[in-house]
Amino acid sequence: MAPPPRRLGVGEATRWYDAIVSSTNVLSGVDPGSPVALHEQVAAAVRRAIADGEVGAGERMPPARDLAAVLGVNPNTVLRALRGLRDEGLLEFRRGRGITVTGLAPQRSAVIAKARELAAVARRHGYQPQEVAEILRLVSWEPL
């Protein structure tokens, strides 16, 4: 008899999966060919899921091994990402209770606020929205 499915803490609260799931809608942005480190991509995907409200405060994350299986990466890569998110205050590790999302989730509004700030500066300097979009596209993948 197969083990019962486990609940996926990242994504829709009603989605169920087992260890053989190879991808999810929420965490599909991991690209091994990208110049961005895999653990940073995993952290960004989880951060984005939290910011978009797909994962709420108090929700438990699935075990790192299960996330790694879903994402197709090494469990140590996922653990490194989760530790980084813990250090940012987004996740909390509790013995016997797993990893939960804290109430200090990043807000999508922070990105929107910065975008509005950029739009205001661009307007003051006479840039059109298409020009700003092109500038963002050009600088978005430059090394930091």
N, C-alpha and C. Protein backbone atom coordinates (compact mmCIF):
# COMPACT_ATOMS: atom_id res chain seq x y z
N MET A 1 0.84 -1.18 0.00
CA MET A 1 0.00 0.00 0.00
C MET A 1 0.89 1.24 0.00
N ALA A 2 0.58 2.19 -0.84
CA ALA A 2 1.37 3.42 -0.94
C ALA A 2 1.14 4.29 0.28
N PRO A 3 2.17 5.05 0.69
CA PRO A 3 1.98 5.95 1.83
C PRO A 3 0.98 7.04 1.46
N PRO A 4 0.30 7.60 2.47
CA PRO A 4 -0.66 8.66 2.17
C PRO A 4 0.07 9.89 1.60
N PRO A 5 -0.60 10.66 0.75
CA PRO A 5 0.04 11.85 0.20
C PRO A 5 0.32 12.85 1.30
N ARG A 6 1.35 13.66 1.08
CA ARG A 6 1.70 14.68 2.05
C ARG A 6 1.28 16.04 1.52
N ARG A 7 0.97 16.93 2.41
CA ARG A 7 0.52 18.25 2.02
C ARG A 7 1.70 19.11 1.62
N LEU A 8 1.56 19.84 0.53
CA LEU A 8 2.59 20.75 0.06
C LEU A 8 2.39 22.09 0.72
N GLY A 9 3.37 22.54 1.53
CA GLY A 9 3.24 23.81 2.23
C GLY A 9 3.53 25.00 1.35
N VAL A 10 4.12 24.81 0.21
CA VAL A 10 4.40 25.91 -0.70
C VAL A 10 3.41 25.80 -1.83
N GLY A 11 2.57 26.77 -1.97
CA GLY A 11 1.56 26.74 -3.03
C GLY A 11 0.17 26.72 -2.45
N GLU A 12 -0.77 26.27 -3.21
CA GLU A 12 -2.15 26.26 -2.76
C GLU A 12 -2.31 25.33 -1.57
N ALA A 13 -3.08 25.76 -0.61
CA ALA A 13 -3.26 25.00 0.63
C ALA A 13 -3.94 23.66 0.39
N THR A 14 -4.67 23.53 -0.70
CA THR A 14 -5.40 22.29 -0.94
C THR A 14 -4.66 21.32 -1.85
N ARG A 15 -3.48 21.68 -2.33
CA ARG A 15 -2.74 20.81 -3.25
C ARG A 15 -2.05 19.70 -2.46
N TRP A 16 -2.18 18.48 -2.94
CA TRP A 16 -1.53 17.32 -2.32
C TRP A 16 -0.51 16.76 -3.29
N TYR A 17 0.52 16.15 -2.76
CA TYR A 17 1.53 15.57 -3.63
C TYR A 17 2.17 14.41 -2.92
N ASP A 18 2.94 13.63 -3.66
CA ASP A 18 3.79 12.62 -3.05
C ASP A 18 5.20 12.85 -3.54
N ALA A 19 6.13 12.04 -3.13
CA ALA A 19 7.54 12.30 -3.37
C ALA A 19 7.94 12.26 -4.84
N ILE A 20 7.06 11.80 -5.72
CA ILE A 20 7.47 11.68 -7.11
C ILE A 20 7.08 12.89 -7.96
N VAL A 21 6.48 13.90 -7.36
CA VAL A 21 6.13 15.11 -8.12
C VAL A 21 7.40 15.76 -8.61
N SER A 22 7.41 16.14 -9.89
CA SER A 22 8.65 16.70 -10.44
C SER A 22 8.64 18.21 -10.58
N SER A 23 7.47 18.86 -10.46
CA SER A 23 7.45 20.32 -10.52
C SER A 23 6.19 20.85 -9.89
N THR A 24 6.21 22.14 -9.57
CA THR A 24 5.02 22.83 -9.07
C THR A 24 4.92 24.15 -9.79
N ASN A 25 3.74 24.73 -9.79
CA ASN A 25 3.56 26.03 -10.42
C ASN A 25 4.32 27.11 -9.67
N VAL A 26 4.33 27.01 -8.35
CA VAL A 26 4.92 28.04 -7.52
C VAL A 26 6.45 28.06 -7.62
N LEU A 27 7.06 26.90 -7.60
CA LEU A 27 8.51 26.82 -7.54
C LEU A 27 9.10 26.31 -8.84
N SER A 28 8.60 26.76 -9.94
CA SER A 28 9.10 26.27 -11.22
C SER A 28 10.23 27.11 -11.78
N GLY A 29 10.67 28.13 -11.06
CA GLY A 29 11.66 29.05 -11.59
C GLY A 29 13.10 28.65 -11.39
N VAL A 30 13.40 27.42 -11.01
CA VAL A 30 14.79 27.00 -10.78
C VAL A 30 15.38 26.57 -12.12
N ASP A 31 16.44 27.27 -12.52
CA ASP A 31 17.08 27.01 -13.81
C ASP A 31 18.56 26.70 -13.58
N PRO A 32 18.96 25.43 -13.74
CA PRO A 32 20.36 25.05 -13.51
C PRO A 32 21.34 25.79 -14.42
N GLY A 33 20.89 26.27 -15.57
CA GLY A 33 21.77 26.97 -16.50
C GLY A 33 21.93 28.45 -16.20
N SER A 34 21.20 28.95 -15.22
CA SER A 34 21.26 30.37 -14.87
C SER A 34 22.56 30.71 -14.15
N PRO A 35 23.04 31.94 -14.32
CA PRO A 35 24.23 32.35 -13.58
C PRO A 35 23.94 32.57 -12.09
N VAL A 36 22.67 32.64 -11.72
CA VAL A 36 22.29 32.81 -10.32
C VAL A 36 22.40 31.46 -9.62
N ALA A 37 23.01 31.44 -8.46
CA ALA A 37 23.21 30.20 -7.71
C ALA A 37 21.86 29.52 -7.43
N LEU A 38 21.86 28.18 -7.46
CA LEU A 38 20.63 27.43 -7.27
C LEU A 38 19.95 27.74 -5.94
N HIS A 39 20.73 27.85 -4.86
CA HIS A 39 20.11 28.11 -3.56
C HIS A 39 19.45 29.48 -3.54
N GLU A 40 20.01 30.44 -4.28
CA GLU A 40 19.40 31.77 -4.36
C GLU A 40 18.11 31.71 -5.18
N GLN A 41 18.08 30.88 -6.21
CA GLN A 41 16.86 30.71 -7.01
C GLN A 41 15.76 30.06 -6.18
N VAL A 42 16.13 29.05 -5.39
CA VAL A 42 15.14 28.39 -4.53
C VAL A 42 14.61 29.39 -3.51
N ALA A 43 15.51 30.14 -2.87
CA ALA A 43 15.08 31.14 -1.88
C ALA A 43 14.17 32.18 -2.51
N ALA A 44 14.52 32.63 -3.72
CA ALA A 44 13.70 33.63 -4.41
C ALA A 44 12.31 33.10 -4.73
N ALA A 45 12.24 31.83 -5.13
CA ALA A 45 10.94 31.22 -5.45
C ALA A 45 10.06 31.13 -4.20
N VAL A 46 10.65 30.72 -3.09
CA VAL A 46 9.89 30.63 -1.84
C VAL A 46 9.50 32.04 -1.37
N ARG A 47 10.44 32.97 -1.44
CA ARG A 47 10.18 34.36 -1.06
C ARG A 47 9.01 34.93 -1.88
N ARG A 48 9.03 34.67 -3.17
CA ARG A 48 7.98 35.16 -4.06
C ARG A 48 6.63 34.51 -3.71
N ALA A 49 6.62 33.22 -3.41
CA ALA A 49 5.39 32.53 -3.03
C ALA A 49 4.81 33.13 -1.75
N ILE A 50 5.68 33.49 -0.83
CA ILE A 50 5.24 34.12 0.42
C ILE A 50 4.69 35.51 0.12
N ALA A 51 5.42 36.28 -0.65
CA ALA A 51 5.01 37.65 -0.97
C ALA A 51 3.70 37.69 -1.74
N ASP A 52 3.47 36.71 -2.60
CA ASP A 52 2.25 36.67 -3.40
C ASP A 52 1.07 36.08 -2.63
N GLY A 53 1.31 35.68 -1.38
CA GLY A 53 0.23 35.14 -0.56
C GLY A 53 -0.11 33.69 -0.85
N GLU A 54 0.72 33.02 -1.62
CA GLU A 54 0.47 31.61 -1.92
C GLU A 54 0.84 30.73 -0.74
N VAL A 55 1.65 31.26 0.16
CA VAL A 55 2.02 30.60 1.40
C VAL A 55 1.79 31.62 2.50
N GLY A 56 0.99 31.27 3.48
CA GLY A 56 0.64 32.21 4.53
C GLY A 56 1.42 32.01 5.80
N ALA A 57 1.36 33.02 6.66
CA ALA A 57 2.01 32.96 7.96
C ALA A 57 1.48 31.77 8.73
N GLY A 58 2.39 31.03 9.35
CA GLY A 58 2.02 29.87 10.15
C GLY A 58 1.95 28.57 9.36
N GLU A 59 1.97 28.65 8.03
CA GLU A 59 1.93 27.43 7.23
C GLU A 59 3.26 26.70 7.34
N ARG A 60 3.17 25.38 7.35
CA ARG A 60 4.38 24.57 7.41
C ARG A 60 4.92 24.33 6.02
N MET A 61 6.22 24.37 5.92
CA MET A 61 6.90 24.03 4.67
C MET A 61 7.05 22.51 4.62
N PRO A 62 7.07 21.95 3.41
CA PRO A 62 7.36 20.51 3.31
C PRO A 62 8.82 20.27 3.68
N PRO A 63 9.17 19.05 4.01
CA PRO A 63 10.57 18.75 4.33
C PRO A 63 11.49 19.11 3.16
N ALA A 64 12.72 19.46 3.49
CA ALA A 64 13.69 19.87 2.48
C ALA A 64 13.90 18.78 1.43
N ARG A 65 13.90 17.53 1.84
CA ARG A 65 14.08 16.43 0.87
C ARG A 65 12.95 16.40 -0.15
N ASP A 66 11.72 16.67 0.32
CA ASP A 66 10.59 16.66 -0.59
C ASP A 66 10.65 17.85 -1.56
N LEU A 67 11.02 19.02 -1.03
CA LEU A 67 11.18 20.19 -1.90
C LEU A 67 12.27 19.93 -2.93
N ALA A 68 13.36 19.33 -2.48
CA ALA A 68 14.46 19.02 -3.40
C ALA A 68 14.00 18.08 -4.50
N ALA A 69 13.19 17.08 -4.14
CA ALA A 69 12.68 16.14 -5.15
C ALA A 69 11.78 16.86 -6.14
N VAL A 70 10.94 17.75 -5.66
CA VAL A 70 10.04 18.50 -6.52
C VAL A 70 10.82 19.42 -7.46
N LEU A 71 11.86 20.06 -6.93
CA LEU A 71 12.64 21.03 -7.71
C LEU A 71 13.74 20.39 -8.54
N GLY A 72 14.09 19.15 -8.24
CA GLY A 72 15.15 18.50 -8.96
C GLY A 72 16.54 19.01 -8.59
N VAL A 73 16.70 19.39 -7.32
CA VAL A 73 18.00 19.86 -6.84
C VAL A 73 18.41 19.04 -5.62
N ASN A 74 19.63 19.21 -5.20
CA ASN A 74 20.15 18.51 -4.04
C ASN A 74 19.47 19.03 -2.77
N PRO A 75 19.16 18.15 -1.81
CA PRO A 75 18.56 18.60 -0.55
C PRO A 75 19.40 19.65 0.18
N ASN A 76 20.73 19.57 0.06
CA ASN A 76 21.58 20.58 0.70
C ASN A 76 21.38 21.95 0.09
N THR A 77 21.05 22.01 -1.19
CA THR A 77 20.76 23.28 -1.85
C THR A 77 19.51 23.89 -1.25
N VAL A 78 18.49 23.08 -1.06
CA VAL A 78 17.24 23.56 -0.46
C VAL A 78 17.48 24.00 0.98
N LEU A 79 18.23 23.20 1.73
CA LEU A 79 18.52 23.56 3.13
C LEU A 79 19.27 24.89 3.21
N ARG A 80 20.21 25.11 2.31
CA ARG A 80 20.94 26.38 2.30
C ARG A 80 19.99 27.54 2.04
N ALA A 81 19.06 27.37 1.10
CA ALA A 81 18.06 28.40 0.80
C ALA A 81 17.17 28.65 2.01
N LEU A 82 16.70 27.56 2.63
CA LEU A 82 15.80 27.71 3.78
C LEU A 82 16.50 28.35 4.97
N ARG A 83 17.77 28.02 5.17
CA ARG A 83 18.53 28.67 6.25
C ARG A 83 18.67 30.16 6.01
N GLY A 84 18.90 30.52 4.74
CA GLY A 84 18.99 31.95 4.41
C GLY A 84 17.68 32.66 4.68
N LEU A 85 16.57 32.01 4.35
CA LEU A 85 15.26 32.61 4.61
C LEU A 85 14.98 32.68 6.11
N ARG A 86 15.50 31.70 6.86
CA ARG A 86 15.38 31.76 8.32
C ARG A 86 16.16 32.95 8.85
N ASP A 87 17.36 33.17 8.32
CA ASP A 87 18.18 34.29 8.77
C ASP A 87 17.54 35.64 8.42
N GLU A 88 16.74 35.66 7.35
CA GLU A 88 16.01 36.88 6.98
C GLU A 88 14.77 37.08 7.84
N GLY A 89 14.40 36.06 8.61
CA GLY A 89 13.22 36.15 9.45
C GLY A 89 11.94 35.69 8.78
N LEU A 90 12.05 35.09 7.60
CA LEU A 90 10.85 34.65 6.88
C LEU A 90 10.38 33.27 7.30
N LEU A 91 11.32 32.44 7.75
CA LEU A 91 10.98 31.08 8.17
C LEU A 91 11.45 30.86 9.59
N GLU A 92 10.79 29.93 10.26
CA GLU A 92 11.17 29.58 11.61
C GLU A 92 11.34 28.07 11.68
N PHE A 93 12.46 27.60 12.22
CA PHE A 93 12.72 26.18 12.36
C PHE A 93 12.37 25.80 13.79
N ARG A 94 11.50 24.80 13.94
CA ARG A 94 11.13 24.34 15.27
C ARG A 94 11.28 22.84 15.34
N ARG A 95 12.00 22.40 16.33
CA ARG A 95 12.21 20.96 16.52
C ARG A 95 10.86 20.29 16.74
N GLY A 96 10.63 19.25 15.96
CA GLY A 96 9.39 18.50 16.08
C GLY A 96 8.20 19.11 15.37
N ARG A 97 8.31 20.35 14.93
CA ARG A 97 7.19 21.02 14.25
C ARG A 97 7.54 21.40 12.82
N GLY A 98 8.79 21.20 12.45
CA GLY A 98 9.20 21.51 11.08
C GLY A 98 9.51 22.98 10.86
N ILE A 99 9.41 23.38 9.62
CA ILE A 99 9.72 24.75 9.22
C ILE A 99 8.41 25.45 8.91
N THR A 100 8.19 26.59 9.55
CA THR A 100 6.96 27.34 9.33
C THR A 100 7.28 28.74 8.82
N VAL A 101 6.31 29.32 8.15
CA VAL A 101 6.44 30.68 7.65
C VAL A 101 6.07 31.62 8.79
N THR A 102 6.91 32.62 9.02
CA THR A 102 6.63 33.60 10.07
C THR A 102 5.66 34.64 9.56
N GLY A 103 5.26 35.53 10.42
CA GLY A 103 4.37 36.62 10.02
C GLY A 103 5.12 37.77 9.38
N LEU A 104 6.43 37.65 9.22
CA LEU A 104 7.25 38.72 8.67
C LEU A 104 7.50 38.52 7.18
N ALA A 105 6.48 38.13 6.47
CA ALA A 105 6.62 37.85 5.04
C ALA A 105 6.99 39.11 4.26
N PRO A 106 7.81 38.93 3.22
CA PRO A 106 8.11 40.10 2.39
C PRO A 106 6.83 40.55 1.70
N GLN A 107 6.71 41.78 1.48
CA GLN A 107 5.51 42.30 0.86
C GLN A 107 5.77 42.65 -0.59
N ARG A 108 4.87 42.21 -1.44
CA ARG A 108 4.95 42.58 -2.85
C ARG A 108 4.89 44.09 -2.97
N SER A 109 4.24 44.71 -1.98
CA SER A 109 4.11 46.17 -2.00
C SER A 109 5.46 46.86 -1.91
N ALA A 110 6.46 46.19 -1.32
CA ALA A 110 7.79 46.79 -1.26
C ALA A 110 8.37 46.95 -2.66
N VAL A 111 8.16 45.94 -3.50
CA VAL A 111 8.63 46.01 -4.89
C VAL A 111 7.83 47.07 -5.65
N ILE A 112 6.53 47.10 -5.40
CA ILE A 112 5.68 48.10 -6.06
C ILE A 112 6.09 49.50 -5.64
N ALA A 113 6.41 49.68 -4.36
CA ALA A 113 6.84 51.00 -3.88
C ALA A 113 8.12 51.44 -4.58
N LYS A 114 9.07 50.52 -4.73
CA LYS A 114 10.32 50.86 -5.43
C LYS A 114 10.06 51.15 -6.90
N ALA A 115 9.12 50.41 -7.51
CA ALA A 115 8.78 50.66 -8.91
C ALA A 115 8.16 52.04 -9.07
N ARG A 116 7.30 52.42 -8.13
CA ARG A 116 6.72 53.78 -8.18
C ARG A 116 7.79 54.85 -8.02
N GLU A 117 8.74 54.58 -7.14
CA GLU A 117 9.85 55.51 -6.94
C GLU A 117 10.66 55.66 -8.24
N LEU A 118 10.94 54.53 -8.89
CA LEU A 118 11.65 54.55 -10.16
C LEU A 118 10.85 55.31 -11.21
N ALA A 119 9.55 55.06 -11.26
CA ALA A 119 8.69 55.74 -12.23
C ALA A 119 8.71 57.25 -12.01
N ALA A 120 8.70 57.67 -10.75
CA ALA A 120 8.73 59.11 -10.45
C ALA A 120 10.05 59.73 -10.90
N VAL A 121 11.15 59.07 -10.63
CA VAL A 121 12.47 59.57 -11.05
C VAL A 121 12.54 59.62 -12.57
N ALA A 122 12.07 58.58 -13.22
CA ALA A 122 12.09 58.53 -14.69
C ALA A 122 11.24 59.65 -15.28
N ARG A 123 10.07 59.89 -14.72
CA ARG A 123 9.22 60.98 -15.21
C ARG A 123 9.91 62.32 -15.08
N ARG A 124 10.54 62.55 -13.92
CA ARG A 124 11.25 63.82 -13.70
C ARG A 124 12.36 64.03 -14.72
N HIS A 125 12.94 62.95 -15.20
CA HIS A 125 14.05 63.04 -16.16
C HIS A 125 13.60 62.85 -17.59
N GLY A 126 12.29 62.78 -17.81
CA GLY A 126 11.76 62.75 -19.15
C GLY A 126 11.75 61.40 -19.85
N TYR A 127 11.87 60.30 -19.11
CA TYR A 127 11.83 58.97 -19.72
C TYR A 127 10.38 58.51 -19.91
N GLN A 128 10.14 57.81 -20.98
CA GLN A 128 8.85 57.20 -21.25
C GLN A 128 8.82 55.79 -20.63
N PRO A 129 7.62 55.26 -20.33
CA PRO A 129 7.53 53.92 -19.72
C PRO A 129 8.26 52.84 -20.51
N GLN A 130 8.20 52.91 -21.85
CA GLN A 130 8.87 51.90 -22.66
C GLN A 130 10.39 51.96 -22.47
N GLU A 131 10.91 53.18 -22.32
CA GLU A 131 12.35 53.35 -22.11
C GLU A 131 12.77 52.78 -20.75
N VAL A 132 11.95 53.02 -19.74
CA VAL A 132 12.26 52.49 -18.41
C VAL A 132 12.21 50.97 -18.42
N ALA A 133 11.22 50.41 -19.11
CA ALA A 133 11.12 48.95 -19.22
C ALA A 133 12.35 48.38 -19.90
N GLU A 134 12.84 49.04 -20.93
CA GLU A 134 14.04 48.58 -21.64
C GLU A 134 15.27 48.66 -20.72
N ILE A 135 15.37 49.74 -19.96
CA ILE A 135 16.48 49.88 -19.02
C ILE A 135 16.44 48.76 -17.99
N LEU A 136 15.25 48.48 -17.44
CA LEU A 136 15.11 47.39 -16.47
C LEU A 136 15.49 46.05 -17.08
N ARG A 137 15.07 45.83 -18.31
CA ARG A 137 15.41 44.58 -18.97
C ARG A 137 16.92 44.44 -19.12
N LEU A 138 17.59 45.53 -19.46
CA LEU A 138 19.04 45.48 -19.68
C LEU A 138 19.82 45.26 -18.39
N VAL A 139 19.39 45.89 -17.30
CA VAL A 139 20.15 45.80 -16.07
C VAL A 139 19.71 44.67 -15.15
N SER A 140 18.59 44.03 -15.46
CA SER A 140 18.05 43.03 -14.55
C SER A 140 18.97 41.82 -14.36
N TRP A 141 19.79 41.51 -15.32
CA TRP A 141 20.65 40.33 -15.19
C TRP A 141 22.12 40.67 -15.08
N GLU A 142 22.42 41.94 -14.84
CA GLU A 142 23.82 42.30 -14.62
C GLU A 142 24.25 41.76 -13.26
N PRO A 143 25.49 41.33 -13.14
CA PRO A 143 25.96 40.87 -11.82
C PRO A 143 25.93 42.01 -10.81
N LEU A 144 25.60 41.68 -9.59
CA LEU A 144 25.52 42.70 -8.53
C LEU A 144 26.88 43.07 -8.01
